[in-house]
Amino acid sequence: MQHRLDNSLIRKAVLAAAVLAGFLMFTAVPLLRADERDCQRRVARADHRLDRAVARFGYRSRQAAHARHELREARERCWNGDHRWWDEHERRWHTERDWDDHDHDRDRH
């Protein structure tokens, strides 16, 4: 009788652990997607600010240097969090840490 009771408790514990793991897995997926969108949005905004600063003040301006720094930080944050970064101009994710901190210094067209 004791052996049967132990097996029943073990089964219940395994089932409860599996249910909990499944619940955590499915609730974490939307959070990962939200982080991805947040990273993409942050890099895109920093990229647009740099484009605007270069266009308005020139690529050697204090404003462009600040915007370049902000873009580098946004890319670093994505890279450190997920080992990839968003390239707004190519509209794709990069899985190599291959960005150029001065990619806005030259004409893209």
PDB file of N, CA and C in Angstrom:
ATOM      1  N   MET A   1       0.823  -1.194   0.000  1.00  0.00           N
ATOM      2  CA  MET A   1       0.000   0.000   0.000  1.00  0.00           C
ATOM      3  C   MET A   1       0.872   1.265   0.000  1.00  0.00           C
ATOM      4  N   GLN A   2       1.935   1.253   0.828  1.00  0.00           N
ATOM      5  CA  GLN A   2       2.823   2.407   0.916  1.00  0.00           C
ATOM      6  C   GLN A   2       3.500   2.670  -0.422  1.00  0.00           C
ATOM      7  N   HIS A   3       3.928   1.611  -1.124  1.00  0.00           N
ATOM      8  CA  HIS A   3       4.587   1.745  -2.422  1.00  0.00           C
ATOM      9  C   HIS A   3       3.631   2.380  -3.430  1.00  0.00           C
ATOM     10  N   ARG A   4       2.396   1.988  -3.412  1.00  0.00           N
ATOM     11  CA  ARG A   4       1.380   2.531  -4.317  1.00  0.00           C
ATOM     12  C   ARG A   4       1.124   4.010  -4.038  1.00  0.00           C
ATOM     13  N   LEU A   5       1.113   4.385  -2.771  1.00  0.00           N
ATOM     14  CA  LEU A   5       0.910   5.779  -2.373  1.00  0.00           C
ATOM     15  C   LEU A   5       2.085   6.633  -2.825  1.00  0.00           C
ATOM     16  N   ASP A   6       3.332   6.118  -2.693  1.00  0.00           N
ATOM     17  CA  ASP A   6       4.518   6.849  -3.131  1.00  0.00           C
ATOM     18  C   ASP A   6       4.483   7.097  -4.636  1.00  0.00           C
ATOM     19  N   ASN A   7       4.115   6.077  -5.408  1.00  0.00           N
ATOM     20  CA  ASN A   7       4.023   6.227  -6.863  1.00  0.00           C
ATOM     21  C   ASN A   7       2.966   7.262  -7.235  1.00  0.00           C
ATOM     22  N   SER A   8       1.869   7.280  -6.535  1.00  0.00           N
ATOM     23  CA  SER A   8       0.793   8.234  -6.804  1.00  0.00           C
ATOM     24  C   SER A   8       1.264   9.665  -6.536  1.00  0.00           C
ATOM     25  N   LEU A   9       1.982   9.856  -5.454  1.00  0.00           N
ATOM     26  CA  LEU A   9       2.493  11.185  -5.125  1.00  0.00           C
ATOM     27  C   LEU A   9       3.544  11.633  -6.143  1.00  0.00           C
ATOM     28  N   ILE A  10       4.387  10.708  -6.564  1.00  0.00           N
ATOM     29  CA  ILE A  10       5.415  11.035  -7.554  1.00  0.00           C
ATOM     30  C   ILE A  10       4.756  11.421  -8.868  1.00  0.00           C
ATOM     31  N   ARG A  11       3.752  10.664  -9.290  1.00  0.00           N
ATOM     32  CA  ARG A  11       3.042  10.980 -10.535  1.00  0.00           C
ATOM     33  C   ARG A  11       2.394  12.360 -10.467  1.00  0.00           C
ATOM     34  N   LYS A  12       1.777  12.648  -9.347  1.00  0.00           N
ATOM     35  CA  LYS A  12       1.129  13.959  -9.189  1.00  0.00           C
ATOM     36  C   LYS A  12       2.160  15.087  -9.221  1.00  0.00           C
ATOM     37  N   ALA A  13       3.297  14.860  -8.592  1.00  0.00           N
ATOM     38  CA  ALA A  13       4.347  15.879  -8.576  1.00  0.00           C
ATOM     39  C   ALA A  13       4.911  16.092  -9.983  1.00  0.00           C
ATOM     40  N   VAL A  14       5.132  15.007 -10.729  1.00  0.00           N
ATOM     41  CA  VAL A  14       5.641  15.119 -12.095  1.00  0.00           C
ATOM     42  C   VAL A  14       4.616  15.826 -12.976  1.00  0.00           C
ATOM     43  N   LEU A  15       3.365  15.471 -12.841  1.00  0.00           N
ATOM     44  CA  LEU A  15       2.312  16.114 -13.617  1.00  0.00           C
ATOM     45  C   LEU A  15       2.216  17.606 -13.289  1.00  0.00           C
ATOM     46  N   ALA A  16       2.285  17.943 -12.022  1.00  0.00           N
ATOM     47  CA  ALA A  16       2.222  19.354 -11.620  1.00  0.00           C
ATOM     48  C   ALA A  16       3.428  20.113 -12.165  1.00  0.00           C
ATOM     49  N   ALA A  17       4.608  19.511 -12.136  1.00  0.00           N
ATOM     50  CA  ALA A  17       5.806  20.169 -12.666  1.00  0.00           C
ATOM     51  C   ALA A  17       5.683  20.376 -14.169  1.00  0.00           C
ATOM     52  N   ALA A  18       5.138  19.380 -14.872  1.00  0.00           N
ATOM     53  CA  ALA A  18       4.963  19.504 -16.323  1.00  0.00           C
ATOM     54  C   ALA A  18       3.957  20.601 -16.663  1.00  0.00           C
ATOM     55  N   VAL A  19       2.880  20.668 -15.928  1.00  0.00           N
ATOM     56  CA  VAL A  19       1.881  21.715 -16.161  1.00  0.00           C
ATOM     57  C   VAL A  19       2.488  23.089 -15.892  1.00  0.00           C
ATOM     58  N   LEU A  20       3.221  23.222 -14.816  1.00  0.00           N
ATOM     59  CA  LEU A  20       3.862  24.496 -14.490  1.00  0.00           C
ATOM     60  C   LEU A  20       4.886  24.887 -15.556  1.00  0.00           C
ATOM     61  N   ALA A  21       5.693  23.930 -16.010  1.00  0.00           N
ATOM     62  CA  ALA A  21       6.681  24.216 -17.056  1.00  0.00           C
ATOM     63  C   ALA A  21       5.993  24.658 -18.346  1.00  0.00           C
ATOM     64  N   GLY A  22       4.907  23.982 -18.704  1.00  0.00           N
ATOM     65  CA  GLY A  22       4.161  24.374 -19.904  1.00  0.00           C
ATOM     66  C   GLY A  22       3.581  25.770 -19.776  1.00  0.00           C
ATOM     67  N   PHE A  23       3.039  26.079 -18.622  1.00  0.00           N
ATOM     68  CA  PHE A  23       2.472  27.406 -18.392  1.00  0.00           C
ATOM     69  C   PHE A  23       3.544  28.486 -18.503  1.00  0.00           C
ATOM     70  N   LEU A  24       4.685  28.242 -17.887  1.00  0.00           N
ATOM     71  CA  LEU A  24       5.766  29.224 -17.935  1.00  0.00           C
ATOM     72  C   LEU A  24       6.310  29.392 -19.351  1.00  0.00           C
ATOM     73  N   MET A  25       6.391  28.294 -20.094  1.00  0.00           N
ATOM     74  CA  MET A  25       6.902  28.365 -21.452  1.00  0.00           C
ATOM     75  C   MET A  25       5.976  29.213 -22.330  1.00  0.00           C
ATOM     76  N   PHE A  26       4.685  28.998 -22.239  1.00  0.00           N
ATOM     77  CA  PHE A  26       3.763  29.730 -23.095  1.00  0.00           C
ATOM     78  C   PHE A  26       3.568  31.178 -22.670  1.00  0.00           C
ATOM     79  N   THR A  27       3.775  31.491 -21.414  1.00  0.00           N
ATOM     80  CA  THR A  27       3.675  32.888 -20.998  1.00  0.00           C
ATOM     81  C   THR A  27       4.955  33.651 -21.277  1.00  0.00           C
ATOM     82  N   ALA A  28       6.078  32.961 -21.417  1.00  0.00           N
ATOM     83  CA  ALA A  28       7.351  33.635 -21.698  1.00  0.00           C
ATOM     84  C   ALA A  28       7.474  34.016 -23.171  1.00  0.00           C
ATOM     85  N   VAL A  29       6.830  33.295 -24.072  1.00  0.00           N
ATOM     86  CA  VAL A  29       6.943  33.580 -25.509  1.00  0.00           C
ATOM     87  C   VAL A  29       6.495  34.995 -25.844  1.00  0.00           C
ATOM     88  N   PRO A  30       5.337  35.472 -25.384  1.00  0.00           N
ATOM     89  CA  PRO A  30       4.974  36.863 -25.688  1.00  0.00           C
ATOM     90  C   PRO A  30       5.956  37.873 -25.116  1.00  0.00           C
ATOM     91  N   LEU A  31       6.547  37.578 -23.972  1.00  0.00           N
ATOM     92  CA  LEU A  31       7.533  38.493 -23.396  1.00  0.00           C
ATOM     93  C   LEU A  31       8.764  38.581 -24.281  1.00  0.00           C
ATOM     94  N   LEU A  32       9.201  37.452 -24.843  1.00  0.00           N
ATOM     95  CA  LEU A  32      10.350  37.472 -25.734  1.00  0.00           C
ATOM     96  C   LEU A  32      10.038  38.277 -26.988  1.00  0.00           C
ATOM     97  N   ARG A  33       8.857  38.101 -27.538  1.00  0.00           N
ATOM     98  CA  ARG A  33       8.484  38.864 -28.720  1.00  0.00           C
ATOM     99  C   ARG A  33       8.394  40.351 -28.403  1.00  0.00           C
ATOM    100  N   ALA A  34       7.907  40.683 -27.226  1.00  0.00           N
ATOM    101  CA  ALA A  34       7.823  42.091 -26.826  1.00  0.00           C
ATOM    102  C   ALA A  34       9.220  42.684 -26.687  1.00  0.00           C
ATOM    103  N   ASP A  35      10.152  41.934 -26.108  1.00  0.00           N
ATOM    104  CA  ASP A  35      11.532  42.407 -25.989  1.00  0.00           C
ATOM    105  C   ASP A  35      12.146  42.622 -27.363  1.00  0.00           C
ATOM    106  N   GLU A  36      11.857  41.698 -28.280  1.00  0.00           N
ATOM    107  CA  GLU A  36      12.385  41.814 -29.646  1.00  0.00           C
ATOM    108  C   GLU A  36      11.855  43.077 -30.318  1.00  0.00           C
ATOM    109  N   ARG A  37      10.554  43.309 -30.208  1.00  0.00           N
ATOM    110  CA  ARG A  37       9.963  44.514 -30.807  1.00  0.00           C
ATOM    111  C   ARG A  37      10.519  45.768 -30.148  1.00  0.00           C
ATOM    112  N   ASP A  38      10.724  45.726 -28.840  1.00  0.00           N
ATOM    113  CA  ASP A  38      11.269  46.872 -28.129  1.00  0.00           C
ATOM    114  C   ASP A  38      12.693  47.159 -28.599  1.00  0.00           C
ATOM    115  N   CYS A  39      13.472  46.132 -28.775  1.00  0.00           N
ATOM    116  CA  CYS A  39      14.847  46.293 -29.254  1.00  0.00           C
ATOM    117  C   CYS A  39      14.844  46.872 -30.666  1.00  0.00           C
ATOM    118  N   GLN A  40      14.028  46.316 -31.520  1.00  0.00           N
ATOM    119  CA  GLN A  40      13.934  46.789 -32.902  1.00  0.00           C
ATOM    120  C   GLN A  40      13.484  48.244 -32.942  1.00  0.00           C
ATOM    121  N   ARG A  41      12.488  48.581 -32.149  1.00  0.00           N
ATOM    122  CA  ARG A  41      11.967  49.951 -32.105  1.00  0.00           C
ATOM    123  C   ARG A  41      13.023  50.922 -31.587  1.00  0.00           C
ATOM    124  N   ARG A  42      13.746  50.526 -30.564  1.00  0.00           N
ATOM    125  CA  ARG A  42      14.772  51.394 -29.966  1.00  0.00           C
ATOM    126  C   ARG A  42      15.893  51.683 -30.979  1.00  0.00           C
ATOM    127  N   VAL A  43      16.350  50.653 -31.694  1.00  0.00           N
ATOM    128  CA  VAL A  43      17.407  50.850 -32.689  1.00  0.00           C
ATOM    129  C   VAL A  43      16.889  51.699 -33.841  1.00  0.00           C
ATOM    130  N   ALA A  44      15.668  51.434 -34.289  1.00  0.00           N
ATOM    131  CA  ALA A  44      15.097  52.203 -35.405  1.00  0.00           C
ATOM    132  C   ALA A  44      14.990  53.681 -35.044  1.00  0.00           C
ATOM    133  N   ARG A  45      14.535  53.977 -33.842  1.00  0.00           N
ATOM    134  CA  ARG A  45      14.419  55.379 -33.419  1.00  0.00           C
ATOM    135  C   ARG A  45      15.784  56.049 -33.348  1.00  0.00           C
ATOM    136  N   ALA A  46      16.764  55.353 -32.781  1.00  0.00           N
ATOM    137  CA  ALA A  46      18.119  55.912 -32.687  1.00  0.00           C
ATOM    138  C   ALA A  46      18.706  56.110 -34.077  1.00  0.00           C
ATOM    139  N   ASP A  47      18.451  55.186 -34.976  1.00  0.00           N
ATOM    140  CA  ASP A  47      18.944  55.292 -36.345  1.00  0.00           C
ATOM    141  C   ASP A  47      18.337  56.508 -37.046  1.00  0.00           C
ATOM    142  N   HIS A  48      17.042  56.707 -36.881  1.00  0.00           N
ATOM    143  CA  HIS A  48      16.378  57.863 -37.501  1.00  0.00           C
ATOM    144  C   HIS A  48      16.880  59.180 -36.908  1.00  0.00           C
ATOM    145  N   ARG A  49      17.127  59.183 -35.605  1.00  0.00           N
ATOM    146  CA  ARG A  49      17.673  60.399 -34.981  1.00  0.00           C
ATOM    147  C   ARG A  49      19.055  60.732 -35.537  1.00  0.00           C
ATOM    148  N   LEU A  50      19.857  59.705 -35.760  1.00  0.00           N
ATOM    149  CA  LEU A  50      21.181  59.942 -36.335  1.00  0.00           C
ATOM    150  C   LEU A  50      21.063  60.448 -37.771  1.00  0.00           C
ATOM    151  N   ASP A  51      20.202  59.835 -38.569  1.00  0.00           N
ATOM    152  CA  ASP A  51      19.985  60.325 -39.937  1.00  0.00           C
ATOM    153  C   ASP A  51      19.592  61.800 -39.926  1.00  0.00           C
ATOM    154  N   ARG A  52      18.686  62.145 -39.034  1.00  0.00           N
ATOM    155  CA  ARG A  52      18.203  63.523 -38.936  1.00  0.00           C
ATOM    156  C   ARG A  52      19.315  64.469 -38.487  1.00  0.00           C
ATOM    157  N   ALA A  53      20.109  64.049 -37.515  1.00  0.00           N
ATOM    158  CA  ALA A  53      21.197  64.897 -37.019  1.00  0.00           C
ATOM    159  C   ALA A  53      22.254  65.128 -38.097  1.00  0.00           C
ATOM    160  N   VAL A  54      22.598  64.082 -38.840  1.00  0.00           N
ATOM    161  CA  VAL A  54      23.585  64.231 -39.914  1.00  0.00           C
ATOM    162  C   VAL A  54      23.037  65.165 -40.985  1.00  0.00           C
ATOM    163  N   ALA A  55      21.770  65.003 -41.340  1.00  0.00           N
ATOM    164  CA  ALA A  55      21.164  65.844 -42.377  1.00  0.00           C
ATOM    165  C   ALA A  55      21.079  67.311 -41.940  1.00  0.00           C
ATOM    166  N   ARG A  56      20.731  67.547 -40.679  1.00  0.00           N
ATOM    167  CA  ARG A  56      20.540  68.923 -40.210  1.00  0.00           C
ATOM    168  C   ARG A  56      21.830  69.622 -39.821  1.00  0.00           C
ATOM    169  N   PHE A  57      22.751  68.875 -39.185  1.00  0.00           N
ATOM    170  CA  PHE A  57      23.917  69.520 -38.590  1.00  0.00           C
ATOM    171  C   PHE A  57      25.251  69.083 -39.193  1.00  0.00           C
ATOM    172  N   GLY A  58      25.247  68.033 -40.001  1.00  0.00           N
ATOM    173  CA  GLY A  58      26.483  67.521 -40.591  1.00  0.00           C
ATOM    174  C   GLY A  58      27.023  66.336 -39.818  1.00  0.00           C
ATOM    175  N   TYR A  59      27.794  65.516 -40.506  1.00  0.00           N
ATOM    176  CA  TYR A  59      28.238  64.278 -39.865  1.00  0.00           C
ATOM    177  C   TYR A  59      29.316  64.500 -38.817  1.00  0.00           C
ATOM    178  N   ARG A  60      29.948  65.645 -38.782  1.00  0.00           N
ATOM    179  CA  ARG A  60      30.959  65.926 -37.752  1.00  0.00           C
ATOM    180  C   ARG A  60      30.408  66.767 -36.597  1.00  0.00           C
ATOM    181  N   SER A  61      29.127  66.993 -36.602  1.00  0.00           N
ATOM    182  CA  SER A  61      28.522  67.860 -35.580  1.00  0.00           C
ATOM    183  C   SER A  61      28.443  67.163 -34.221  1.00  0.00           C
ATOM    184  N   ARG A  62      28.310  67.978 -33.205  1.00  0.00           N
ATOM    185  CA  ARG A  62      28.121  67.472 -31.836  1.00  0.00           C
ATOM    186  C   ARG A  62      26.833  66.666 -31.761  1.00  0.00           C
ATOM    187  N   GLN A  63      25.784  67.126 -32.448  1.00  0.00           N
ATOM    188  CA  GLN A  63      24.486  66.440 -32.432  1.00  0.00           C
ATOM    189  C   GLN A  63      24.596  65.055 -33.079  1.00  0.00           C
ATOM    190  N   ALA A  64      25.331  64.978 -34.192  1.00  0.00           N
ATOM    191  CA  ALA A  64      25.510  63.687 -34.861  1.00  0.00           C
ATOM    192  C   ALA A  64      26.345  62.745 -33.990  1.00  0.00           C
ATOM    193  N   ALA A  65      27.350  63.272 -33.326  1.00  0.00           N
ATOM    194  CA  ALA A  65      28.182  62.440 -32.444  1.00  0.00           C
ATOM    195  C   ALA A  65      27.341  61.867 -31.304  1.00  0.00           C
ATOM    196  N   HIS A  66      26.475  62.701 -30.749  1.00  0.00           N
ATOM    197  CA  HIS A  66      25.595  62.237 -29.676  1.00  0.00           C
ATOM    198  C   HIS A  66      24.628  61.173 -30.202  1.00  0.00           C
ATOM    199  N   ALA A  67      24.031  61.417 -31.348  1.00  0.00           N
ATOM    200  CA  ALA A  67      23.090  60.458 -31.937  1.00  0.00           C
ATOM    201  C   ALA A  67      23.810  59.159 -32.304  1.00  0.00           C
ATOM    202  N   ARG A  68      25.043  59.261 -32.772  1.00  0.00           N
ATOM    203  CA  ARG A  68      25.833  58.074 -33.094  1.00  0.00           C
ATOM    204  C   ARG A  68      26.088  57.244 -31.837  1.00  0.00           C
ATOM    205  N   HIS A  69      26.373  57.932 -30.753  1.00  0.00           N
ATOM    206  CA  HIS A  69      26.576  57.264 -29.462  1.00  0.00           C
ATOM    207  C   HIS A  69      25.297  56.550 -29.020  1.00  0.00           C
ATOM    208  N   GLU A  70      24.160  57.214 -29.171  1.00  0.00           N
ATOM    209  CA  GLU A  70      22.873  56.620 -28.787  1.00  0.00           C
ATOM    210  C   GLU A  70      22.567  55.384 -29.635  1.00  0.00           C
ATOM    211  N   LEU A  71      22.861  55.431 -30.923  1.00  0.00           N
ATOM    212  CA  LEU A  71      22.639  54.285 -31.798  1.00  0.00           C
ATOM    213  C   LEU A  71      23.546  53.123 -31.392  1.00  0.00           C
ATOM    214  N   ARG A  72      24.805  53.423 -31.105  1.00  0.00           N
ATOM    215  CA  ARG A  72      25.738  52.384 -30.671  1.00  0.00           C
ATOM    216  C   ARG A  72      25.234  51.723 -29.384  1.00  0.00           C
ATOM    217  N   GLU A  73      24.729  52.525 -28.448  1.00  0.00           N
ATOM    218  CA  GLU A  73      24.196  51.961 -27.204  1.00  0.00           C
ATOM    219  C   GLU A  73      22.980  51.082 -27.457  1.00  0.00           C
ATOM    220  N   ALA A  74      22.087  51.507 -28.350  1.00  0.00           N
ATOM    221  CA  ALA A  74      20.906  50.710 -28.670  1.00  0.00           C
ATOM    222  C   ALA A  74      21.310  49.386 -29.308  1.00  0.00           C
ATOM    223  N   ARG A  75      22.264  49.436 -30.212  1.00  0.00           N
ATOM    224  CA  ARG A  75      22.742  48.197 -30.844  1.00  0.00           C
ATOM    225  C   ARG A  75      23.404  47.285 -29.817  1.00  0.00           C
ATOM    226  N   GLU A  76      24.218  47.860 -28.951  1.00  0.00           N
ATOM    227  CA  GLU A  76      24.888  47.080 -27.899  1.00  0.00           C
ATOM    228  C   GLU A  76      23.868  46.419 -26.980  1.00  0.00           C
ATOM    229  N   ARG A  77      22.830  47.156 -26.640  1.00  0.00           N
ATOM    230  CA  ARG A  77      21.806  46.599 -25.748  1.00  0.00           C
ATOM    231  C   ARG A  77      21.132  45.390 -26.391  1.00  0.00           C
ATOM    232  N   CYS A  78      20.801  45.502 -27.677  1.00  0.00           N
ATOM    233  CA  CYS A  78      20.225  44.354 -28.390  1.00  0.00           C
ATOM    234  C   CYS A  78      21.214  43.196 -28.420  1.00  0.00           C
ATOM    235  N   TRP A  79      22.453  43.506 -28.755  1.00  0.00           N
ATOM    236  CA  TRP A  79      23.465  42.462 -28.866  1.00  0.00           C
ATOM    237  C   TRP A  79      23.678  41.755 -27.528  1.00  0.00           C
ATOM    238  N   ASN A  80      23.773  42.524 -26.467  1.00  0.00           N
ATOM    239  CA  ASN A  80      24.003  41.936 -25.152  1.00  0.00           C
ATOM    240  C   ASN A  80      22.815  41.105 -24.684  1.00  0.00           C
ATOM    241  N   GLY A  81      21.613  41.506 -25.088  1.00  0.00           N
ATOM    242  CA  GLY A  81      20.428  40.783 -24.660  1.00  0.00           C
ATOM    243  C   GLY A  81      20.134  39.542 -25.474  1.00  0.00           C
ATOM    244  N   ASP A  82      20.429  39.583 -26.777  1.00  0.00           N
ATOM    245  CA  ASP A  82      19.981  38.485 -27.636  1.00  0.00           C
ATOM    246  C   ASP A  82      21.012  38.067 -28.677  1.00  0.00           C
ATOM    247  N   HIS A  83      22.197  38.622 -28.633  1.00  0.00           N
ATOM    248  CA  HIS A  83      23.267  38.340 -29.599  1.00  0.00           C
ATOM    249  C   HIS A  83      22.814  38.518 -31.042  1.00  0.00           C
ATOM    250  N   ARG A  84      22.074  39.590 -31.249  1.00  0.00           N
ATOM    251  CA  ARG A  84      21.718  40.042 -32.587  1.00  0.00           C
ATOM    252  C   ARG A  84      21.310  41.500 -32.485  1.00  0.00           C
ATOM    253  N   TRP A  85      21.303  42.175 -33.603  1.00  0.00           N
ATOM    254  CA  TRP A  85      20.954  43.594 -33.604  1.00  0.00           C
ATOM    255  C   TRP A  85      20.183  43.905 -34.876  1.00  0.00           C
ATOM    256  N   TRP A  86      19.360  44.932 -34.811  1.00  0.00           N
ATOM    257  CA  TRP A  86      18.490  45.317 -35.909  1.00  0.00           C
ATOM    258  C   TRP A  86      19.174  46.359 -36.783  1.00  0.00           C
ATOM    259  N   ASP A  87      19.182  46.133 -38.079  1.00  0.00           N
ATOM    260  CA  ASP A  87      19.699  47.099 -39.046  1.00  0.00           C
ATOM    261  C   ASP A  87      18.492  47.762 -39.703  1.00  0.00           C
ATOM    262  N   GLU A  88      18.252  48.990 -39.345  1.00  0.00           N
ATOM    263  CA  GLU A  88      17.062  49.697 -39.833  1.00  0.00           C
ATOM    264  C   GLU A  88      17.119  49.943 -41.341  1.00  0.00           C
ATOM    265  N   HIS A  89      18.291  50.211 -41.880  1.00  0.00           N
ATOM    266  CA  HIS A  89      18.392  50.510 -43.304  1.00  0.00           C
ATOM    267  C   HIS A  89      18.214  49.259 -44.168  1.00  0.00           C
ATOM    268  N   GLU A  90      18.726  48.129 -43.700  1.00  0.00           N
ATOM    269  CA  GLU A  90      18.537  46.877 -44.433  1.00  0.00           C
ATOM    270  C   GLU A  90      17.242  46.175 -44.036  1.00  0.00           C
ATOM    271  N   ARG A  91      16.625  46.657 -42.948  1.00  0.00           N
ATOM    272  CA  ARG A  91      15.369  46.098 -42.436  1.00  0.00           C
ATOM    273  C   ARG A  91      15.510  44.614 -42.132  1.00  0.00           C
ATOM    274  N   ARG A  92      16.592  44.274 -41.392  1.00  0.00           N
ATOM    275  CA  ARG A  92      16.800  42.879 -41.029  1.00  0.00           C
ATOM    276  C   ARG A  92      17.656  42.778 -39.773  1.00  0.00           C
ATOM    277  N   TRP A  93      17.592  41.594 -39.153  1.00  0.00           N
ATOM    278  CA  TRP A  93      18.410  41.299 -37.991  1.00  0.00           C
ATOM    279  C   TRP A  93      19.769  40.794 -38.437  1.00  0.00           C
ATOM    280  N   HIS A  94      20.800  41.178 -37.698  1.00  0.00           N
ATOM    281  CA  HIS A  94      22.154  40.660 -37.918  1.00  0.00           C
ATOM    282  C   HIS A  94      22.501  39.771 -36.730  1.00  0.00           C
ATOM    283  N   THR A  95      23.112  38.638 -37.017  1.00  0.00           N
ATOM    284  CA  THR A  95      23.520  37.729 -35.948  1.00  0.00           C
ATOM    285  C   THR A  95      25.026  37.786 -35.687  1.00  0.00           C
ATOM    286  N   GLU A  96      25.691  38.690 -36.366  1.00  0.00           N
ATOM    287  CA  GLU A  96      27.104  38.950 -36.118  1.00  0.00           C
ATOM    288  C   GLU A  96      27.230  40.376 -35.583  1.00  0.00           C
ATOM    289  N   ARG A  97      28.191  40.593 -34.727  1.00  0.00           N
ATOM    290  CA  ARG A  97      28.414  41.941 -34.177  1.00  0.00           C
ATOM    291  C   ARG A  97      29.241  42.732 -35.187  1.00  0.00           C
ATOM    292  N   ASP A  98      28.603  43.050 -36.314  1.00  0.00           N
ATOM    293  CA  ASP A  98      29.323  43.613 -37.447  1.00  0.00           C
ATOM    294  C   ASP A  98      28.875  45.026 -37.828  1.00  0.00           C
ATOM    295  N   TRP A  99      28.285  45.735 -36.891  1.00  0.00           N
ATOM    296  CA  TRP A  99      27.859  47.082 -37.249  1.00  0.00           C
ATOM    297  C   TRP A  99      29.045  48.024 -37.318  1.00  0.00           C
ATOM    298  N   ASP A 100      28.848  49.091 -38.057  1.00  0.00           N
ATOM    299  CA  ASP A 100      29.859  50.119 -38.239  1.00  0.00           C
ATOM    300  C   ASP A 100      29.363  51.370 -37.521  1.00  0.00           C
ATOM    301  N   ASP A 101      30.079  51.800 -36.523  1.00  0.00           N
ATOM    302  CA  ASP A 101      29.661  52.978 -35.761  1.00  0.00           C
ATOM    303  C   ASP A 101      29.611  54.239 -36.605  1.00  0.00           C
ATOM    304  N   HIS A 102      30.223  54.216 -37.752  1.00  0.00           N
ATOM    305  CA  HIS A 102      30.246  55.384 -38.627  1.00  0.00           C
ATOM    306  C   HIS A 102      29.521  55.129 -39.942  1.00  0.00           C
ATOM    307  N   ASP A 103      28.533  54.231 -39.919  1.00  0.00           N
ATOM    308  CA  ASP A 103      27.830  53.878 -41.142  1.00  0.00           C
ATOM    309  C   ASP A 103      26.944  55.008 -41.674  1.00  0.00           C
ATOM    310  N   HIS A 104      26.716  56.037 -40.897  1.00  0.00           N
ATOM    311  CA  HIS A 104      25.910  57.159 -41.357  1.00  0.00           C
ATOM    312  C   HIS A 104      26.773  58.329 -41.833  1.00  0.00           C
ATOM    313  N   ASP A 105      28.068  58.147 -41.779  1.00  0.00           N
ATOM    314  CA  ASP A 105      28.972  59.234 -42.168  1.00  0.00           C
ATOM    315  C   ASP A 105      29.088  59.392 -43.669  1.00  0.00           C
ATOM    316  N   ARG A 106      28.705  58.376 -44.394  1.00  0.00           N
ATOM    317  CA  ARG A 106      28.803  58.439 -45.850  1.00  0.00           C
ATOM    318  C   ARG A 106      27.398  58.355 -46.470  1.00  0.00           C
ATOM    319  N   ASP A 107      27.303  58.782 -47.669  1.00  0.00           N
ATOM    320  CA  ASP A 107      26.023  58.786 -48.374  1.00  0.00           C
ATOM    321  C   ASP A 107      25.605  57.341 -48.649  1.00  0.00           C
ATOM    322  N   ARG A 108      24.349  57.031 -48.357  1.00  0.00           N
ATOM    323  CA  ARG A 108      23.831  55.674 -48.543  1.00  0.00           C
ATOM    324  C   ARG A 108      23.208  55.499 -49.922  1.00  0.00           C
ATOM    325  N   HIS A 109      23.016  56.518 -50.679  1.00  0.00           N
ATOM    326  CA  HIS A 109      22.261  56.392 -51.925  1.00  0.00           C
ATOM    327  C   HIS A 109      23.140  56.258 -53.121  1.00  0.00           C
TER     328      HIS A 109
END
